Amino acid sequence: MNRKLKLWELNRVDESTFKDQKKFPIIVVLDDIRSFNNVGSFFRTSDAFNIEKIYLCGITPLPPHRDIQKTALGATETVEWEHRESIVELIKELKSQGKTICSVEQAEKTLMLNHSDQIASEELVLVFGNEVNGVNQAIIDLSDYIIEIPQYGTKHSLNVSVCAGVVLWEFVRNRKVE
């Protein structure tokens, strides 16, 4: 028999330990995400994958809000975050710090996610775009890489929060927190 574990048997760290532990050097940037539930999902996924920080840009809703909390399940208290009005200014600032900018989008020239191990940089910024319009073209122009998730069905995209889970897993699975 293979018994399902209870929550207290998962041996997760407490909030204080989580905040102090070394994070994966990955920053998530949300570009005008509209849905409170999607924002909450980003926080929860970023907590699960031990991500360094989330930037909420433009019209992206900010915590605290009950609809964000409904999906975040408290991750807004564990994951470091900051709001920036201008995503362009933020991306230029992060580039000047030597971080590699990766927009998750479909474009003329992309790097498929399953080949993202070709990105040698350790300090990554992953930009996720608006649910309808995707990542702003000005950010695509500033990006070092455009990452695309291979898809084999009839739909042209994934929900942005589902996309985040796939992309973040791929970027952390082969990296180690030093």
C-alpha atoms as a PDB file:
ATOM      1  CA  MET A   1       0.000   0.000   0.000  1.00  0.00           C
ATOM      2  CA  ASN A   2       1.195   3.518  -0.750  1.00  0.00           C
ATOM      3  CA  ARG A   3      -0.290   5.843   1.876  1.00  0.00           C
ATOM      4  CA  LYS A   4      -0.871   9.485   1.025  1.00  0.00           C
ATOM      5  CA  LEU A   5       1.098  11.781   3.352  1.00  0.00           C
ATOM      6  CA  LYS A   6      -0.550  14.235   5.709  1.00  0.00           C
ATOM      7  CA  LEU A   7       0.502  17.890   5.440  1.00  0.00           C
ATOM      8  CA  TRP A   8       2.549  17.735   8.649  1.00  0.00           C
ATOM      9  CA  GLU A   9       4.484  14.748   7.260  1.00  0.00           C
ATOM     10  CA  LEU A  10       5.843  16.705   4.276  1.00  0.00           C
ATOM     11  CA  ASN A  11       8.674  18.225   6.332  1.00  0.00           C
ATOM     12  CA  ARG A  12       8.317  21.705   4.843  1.00  0.00           C
ATOM     13  CA  VAL A  13      10.251  24.565   6.383  1.00  0.00           C
ATOM     14  CA  ASP A  14       8.418  27.183   8.421  1.00  0.00           C
ATOM     15  CA  GLU A  15       7.935  30.757   7.120  1.00  0.00           C
ATOM     16  CA  SER A  16      10.872  32.175   9.049  1.00  0.00           C
ATOM     17  CA  THR A  17      13.265  29.504   7.791  1.00  0.00           C
ATOM     18  CA  PHE A  18      11.949  29.924   4.243  1.00  0.00           C
ATOM     19  CA  LYS A  19      12.554  33.675   4.278  1.00  0.00           C
ATOM     20  CA  ASP A  20      16.144  33.141   5.466  1.00  0.00           C
ATOM     21  CA  GLN A  21      17.087  30.257   3.164  1.00  0.00           C
ATOM     22  CA  LYS A  22      19.111  30.811  -0.013  1.00  0.00           C
ATOM     23  CA  LYS A  23      16.847  31.213  -3.042  1.00  0.00           C
ATOM     24  CA  PHE A  24      17.199  30.236  -6.661  1.00  0.00           C
ATOM     25  CA  PRO A  25      18.562  33.345  -8.437  1.00  0.00           C
ATOM     26  CA  ILE A  26      15.371  33.741 -10.456  1.00  0.00           C
ATOM     27  CA  ILE A  27      13.234  36.867 -10.500  1.00  0.00           C
ATOM     28  CA  VAL A  28       9.679  36.706 -11.827  1.00  0.00           C
ATOM     29  CA  VAL A  29       8.230  39.810 -13.493  1.00  0.00           C
ATOM     30  CA  LEU A  30       4.502  40.091 -14.156  1.00  0.00           C
ATOM     31  CA  ASP A  31       3.676  42.404 -17.077  1.00  0.00           C
ATOM     32  CA  ASP A  32       0.124  43.772 -16.643  1.00  0.00           C
ATOM     33  CA  ILE A  33      -1.440  40.530 -15.381  1.00  0.00           C
ATOM     34  CA  ARG A  34      -5.147  41.261 -14.844  1.00  0.00           C
ATOM     35  CA  SER A  35      -6.432  38.297 -12.841  1.00  0.00           C
ATOM     36  CA  PHE A  36      -6.154  38.356  -9.055  1.00  0.00           C
ATOM     37  CA  ASN A  37      -6.262  34.541  -9.084  1.00  0.00           C
ATOM     38  CA  ASN A  38      -3.366  34.340 -11.551  1.00  0.00           C
ATOM     39  CA  VAL A  39      -1.315  36.676  -9.344  1.00  0.00           C
ATOM     40  CA  GLY A  40      -2.042  34.470  -6.336  1.00  0.00           C
ATOM     41  CA  SER A  41      -0.987  31.412  -8.311  1.00  0.00           C
ATOM     42  CA  PHE A  42       2.317  33.079  -9.208  1.00  0.00           C
ATOM     43  CA  PHE A  43       3.017  33.682  -5.518  1.00  0.00           C
ATOM     44  CA  ARG A  44       2.181  30.099  -4.560  1.00  0.00           C
ATOM     45  CA  THR A  45       4.275  28.657  -7.404  1.00  0.00           C
ATOM     46  CA  SER A  46       7.189  30.989  -6.600  1.00  0.00           C
ATOM     47  CA  ASP A  47       7.070  29.827  -2.982  1.00  0.00           C
ATOM     48  CA  ALA A  48       7.034  26.174  -4.079  1.00  0.00           C
ATOM     49  CA  PHE A  49      10.101  26.687  -6.280  1.00  0.00           C
ATOM     50  CA  ASN A  50      11.987  28.935  -3.829  1.00  0.00           C
ATOM     51  CA  ILE A  51      12.165  31.913  -6.195  1.00  0.00           C
ATOM     52  CA  GLU A  52      14.105  35.040  -5.203  1.00  0.00           C
ATOM     53  CA  LYS A  53      11.513  37.743  -5.897  1.00  0.00           C
ATOM     54  CA  ILE A  54       8.398  38.777  -7.827  1.00  0.00           C
ATOM     55  CA  TYR A  55       7.921  42.182  -9.427  1.00  0.00           C
ATOM     56  CA  LEU A  56       4.325  43.222 -10.061  1.00  0.00           C
ATOM     57  CA  CYS A  57       4.259  45.772 -12.886  1.00  0.00           C
ATOM     58  CA  GLY A  58       1.704  48.142 -14.329  1.00  0.00           C
ATOM     59  CA  ILE A  59      -1.919  47.140 -13.692  1.00  0.00           C
ATOM     60  CA  THR A  60      -1.032  43.853 -11.975  1.00  0.00           C
ATOM     61  CA  PRO A  61      -3.092  43.633  -8.753  1.00  0.00           C
ATOM     62  CA  LEU A  62      -1.209  43.914  -5.473  1.00  0.00           C
ATOM     63  CA  PRO A  63      -1.546  42.055  -2.192  1.00  0.00           C
ATOM     64  CA  PRO A  64      -3.242  42.133   0.169  1.00  0.00           C
ATOM     65  CA  HIS A  65      -6.448  41.198  -1.592  1.00  0.00           C
ATOM     66  CA  ARG A  66      -8.746  38.306  -0.745  1.00  0.00           C
ATOM     67  CA  ASP A  67      -8.817  37.002  -4.340  1.00  0.00           C
ATOM     68  CA  ILE A  68      -5.013  36.921  -4.431  1.00  0.00           C
ATOM     69  CA  GLN A  69      -4.911  35.268  -1.006  1.00  0.00           C
ATOM     70  CA  LYS A  70      -7.442  32.637  -2.093  1.00  0.00           C
ATOM     71  CA  THR A  71      -4.913  31.110  -4.495  1.00  0.00           C
ATOM     72  CA  ALA A  72      -1.670  32.262  -2.839  1.00  0.00           C
ATOM     73  CA  LEU A  73      -2.518  30.513   0.457  1.00  0.00           C
ATOM     74  CA  GLY A  74      -0.221  32.852   2.387  1.00  0.00           C
ATOM     75  CA  ALA A  75       2.656  32.915  -0.114  1.00  0.00           C
ATOM     76  CA  THR A  76       2.387  36.713  -0.333  1.00  0.00           C
ATOM     77  CA  GLU A  77       3.887  36.650   3.165  1.00  0.00           C
ATOM     78  CA  THR A  78       6.802  34.371   2.236  1.00  0.00           C
ATOM     79  CA  VAL A  79       7.832  35.464  -1.256  1.00  0.00           C
ATOM     80  CA  GLU A  80       9.556  38.844  -1.524  1.00  0.00           C
ATOM     81  CA  TRP A  81       7.726  41.172  -3.885  1.00  0.00           C
ATOM     82  CA  GLU A  82       7.703  44.725  -5.109  1.00  0.00           C
ATOM     83  CA  HIS A  83       5.460  46.847  -7.345  1.00  0.00           C
ATOM     84  CA  ARG A  84       6.913  48.873 -10.201  1.00  0.00           C
ATOM     85  CA  GLU A  85       4.788  51.106 -12.402  1.00  0.00           C
ATOM     86  CA  SER A  86       7.153  50.940 -15.393  1.00  0.00           C
ATOM     87  CA  ILE A  87       8.239  47.506 -16.525  1.00  0.00           C
ATOM     88  CA  VAL A  88      10.578  49.057 -19.119  1.00  0.00           C
ATOM     89  CA  GLU A  89      12.512  50.950 -16.435  1.00  0.00           C
ATOM     90  CA  LEU A  90      12.626  47.813 -14.258  1.00  0.00           C
ATOM     91  CA  ILE A  91      13.958  45.594 -17.060  1.00  0.00           C
ATOM     92  CA  LYS A  92      16.625  48.165 -17.958  1.00  0.00           C
ATOM     93  CA  GLU A  93      17.651  48.314 -14.290  1.00  0.00           C
ATOM     94  CA  LEU A  94      17.853  44.510 -13.976  1.00  0.00           C
ATOM     95  CA  LYS A  95      19.851  44.263 -17.236  1.00  0.00           C
ATOM     96  CA  SER A  96      22.299  46.873 -15.905  1.00  0.00           C
ATOM     97  CA  GLN A  97      22.836  44.573 -12.907  1.00  0.00           C
ATOM     98  CA  GLY A  98      23.959  41.797 -15.282  1.00  0.00           C
ATOM     99  CA  LYS A  99      20.807  39.705 -15.099  1.00  0.00           C
ATOM    100  CA  THR A 100      19.664  37.729 -18.136  1.00  0.00           C
ATOM    101  CA  ILE A 101      16.186  38.740 -19.301  1.00  0.00           C
ATOM    102  CA  CYS A 102      13.968  35.925 -20.582  1.00  0.00           C
ATOM    103  CA  SER A 103      10.473  36.739 -21.801  1.00  0.00           C
ATOM    104  CA  VAL A 104       8.052  33.846 -22.001  1.00  0.00           C
ATOM    105  CA  GLU A 105       6.268  34.458 -25.283  1.00  0.00           C
ATOM    106  CA  GLN A 106       5.769  33.255 -28.842  1.00  0.00           C
ATOM    107  CA  ALA A 107       7.849  35.258 -31.302  1.00  0.00           C
ATOM    108  CA  GLU A 108       9.697  34.927 -34.598  1.00  0.00           C
ATOM    109  CA  LYS A 109      12.906  33.794 -32.907  1.00  0.00           C
ATOM    110  CA  THR A 110      12.457  31.774 -29.735  1.00  0.00           C
ATOM    111  CA  LEU A 111      14.344  29.274 -27.637  1.00  0.00           C
ATOM    112  CA  MET A 112      12.146  26.308 -26.851  1.00  0.00           C
ATOM    113  CA  LEU A 113      11.830  25.711 -23.122  1.00  0.00           C
ATOM    114  CA  ASN A 114      13.236  22.194 -23.429  1.00  0.00           C
ATOM    115  CA  HIS A 115      16.474  23.800 -24.682  1.00  0.00           C
ATOM    116  CA  SER A 116      16.675  26.439 -21.957  1.00  0.00           C
ATOM    117  CA  ASP A 117      19.665  24.631 -20.442  1.00  0.00           C
ATOM    118  CA  GLN A 118      21.631  26.510 -23.144  1.00  0.00           C
ATOM    119  CA  ILE A 119      21.229  29.666 -21.071  1.00  0.00           C
ATOM    120  CA  ALA A 120      24.430  29.759 -19.049  1.00  0.00           C
ATOM    121  CA  SER A 121      23.509  32.715 -16.849  1.00  0.00           C
ATOM    122  CA  GLU A 122      22.810  32.044 -13.196  1.00  0.00           C
ATOM    123  CA  GLU A 123      20.880  35.266 -12.557  1.00  0.00           C
ATOM    124  CA  LEU A 124      17.651  35.063 -14.513  1.00  0.00           C
ATOM    125  CA  VAL A 125      14.634  37.297 -14.924  1.00  0.00           C
ATOM    126  CA  LEU A 126      11.528  35.556 -16.277  1.00  0.00           C
ATOM    127  CA  VAL A 127       8.895  37.903 -17.698  1.00  0.00           C
ATOM    128  CA  PHE A 128       5.290  36.723 -18.002  1.00  0.00           C
ATOM    129  CA  GLY A 129       2.755  38.802 -19.921  1.00  0.00           C
ATOM    130  CA  ASN A 130      -0.829  39.927 -19.895  1.00  0.00           C
ATOM    131  CA  GLU A 131      -3.465  37.206 -20.334  1.00  0.00           C
ATOM    132  CA  VAL A 132      -4.669  38.664 -23.664  1.00  0.00           C
ATOM    133  CA  ASN A 133      -1.762  40.632 -25.141  1.00  0.00           C
ATOM    134  CA  GLY A 134       1.221  38.712 -23.758  1.00  0.00           C
ATOM    135  CA  VAL A 135       4.561  40.361 -23.063  1.00  0.00           C
ATOM    136  CA  ASN A 136       4.863  43.978 -24.215  1.00  0.00           C
ATOM    137  CA  GLN A 137       6.890  44.337 -27.463  1.00  0.00           C
ATOM    138  CA  ALA A 138       9.212  46.858 -25.780  1.00  0.00           C
ATOM    139  CA  ILE A 139      10.171  44.109 -23.302  1.00  0.00           C
ATOM    140  CA  ILE A 140      10.612  41.553 -26.089  1.00  0.00           C
ATOM    141  CA  ASP A 141      13.061  44.029 -27.670  1.00  0.00           C
ATOM    142  CA  LEU A 142      15.020  44.277 -24.383  1.00  0.00           C
ATOM    143  CA  SER A 143      15.083  40.495 -23.785  1.00  0.00           C
ATOM    144  CA  ASP A 144      18.157  38.326 -24.099  1.00  0.00           C
ATOM    145  CA  TYR A 145      15.980  35.282 -24.810  1.00  0.00           C
ATOM    146  CA  ILE A 146      12.383  34.647 -25.774  1.00  0.00           C
ATOM    147  CA  ILE A 147      11.337  31.347 -24.239  1.00  0.00           C
ATOM    148  CA  GLU A 148       8.525  29.333 -25.803  1.00  0.00           C
ATOM    149  CA  ILE A 149       6.811  26.267 -24.350  1.00  0.00           C
ATOM    150  CA  PRO A 150       6.425  23.559 -26.994  1.00  0.00           C
ATOM    151  CA  GLN A 151       2.725  22.815 -27.523  1.00  0.00           C
ATOM    152  CA  TYR A 152       1.153  20.043 -29.556  1.00  0.00           C
ATOM    153  CA  GLY A 153      -2.589  20.746 -29.463  1.00  0.00           C
ATOM    154  CA  THR A 154      -4.934  23.108 -31.239  1.00  0.00           C
ATOM    155  CA  LYS A 155      -4.793  25.986 -28.726  1.00  0.00           C
ATOM    156  CA  HIS A 156      -2.197  28.711 -29.109  1.00  0.00           C
ATOM    157  CA  SER A 157      -1.383  29.310 -25.463  1.00  0.00           C
ATOM    158  CA  LEU A 158      -1.606  28.173 -21.859  1.00  0.00           C
ATOM    159  CA  ASN A 159      -3.115  30.043 -18.937  1.00  0.00           C
ATOM    160  CA  VAL A 160      -0.344  32.338 -17.681  1.00  0.00           C
ATOM    161  CA  SER A 161      -0.247  30.780 -14.211  1.00  0.00           C
ATOM    162  CA  VAL A 162      -0.048  27.263 -15.687  1.00  0.00           C
ATOM    163  CA  CYS A 163       2.715  28.558 -17.941  1.00  0.00           C
ATOM    164  CA  ALA A 164       4.554  29.803 -14.847  1.00  0.00           C
ATOM    165  CA  GLY A 165       4.496  26.371 -13.236  1.00  0.00           C
ATOM    166  CA  VAL A 166       5.913  24.703 -16.332  1.00  0.00           C
ATOM    167  CA  VAL A 167       8.605  27.330 -16.919  1.00  0.00           C
ATOM    168  CA  LEU A 168       9.719  27.688 -13.293  1.00  0.00           C
ATOM    169  CA  TRP A 169      10.002  23.932 -12.866  1.00  0.00           C
ATOM    170  CA  GLU A 170      12.175  23.676 -15.980  1.00  0.00           C
ATOM    171  CA  PHE A 171      14.463  26.476 -14.799  1.00  0.00           C
ATOM    172  CA  VAL A 172      14.944  25.152 -11.255  1.00  0.00           C
ATOM    173  CA  ARG A 173      15.122  21.403 -11.902  1.00  0.00           C
ATOM    174  CA  ASN A 174      18.746  21.421 -13.071  1.00  0.00           C
ATOM    175  CA  ARG A 175      19.993  24.215 -10.838  1.00  0.00           C
ATOM    176  CA  LYS A 176      21.219  24.019  -7.295  1.00  0.00           C
ATOM    177  CA  VAL A 177      20.889  26.585  -4.569  1.00  0.00           C
ATOM    178  CA  GLU A 178      24.454  27.163  -3.371  1.00  0.00           C
END
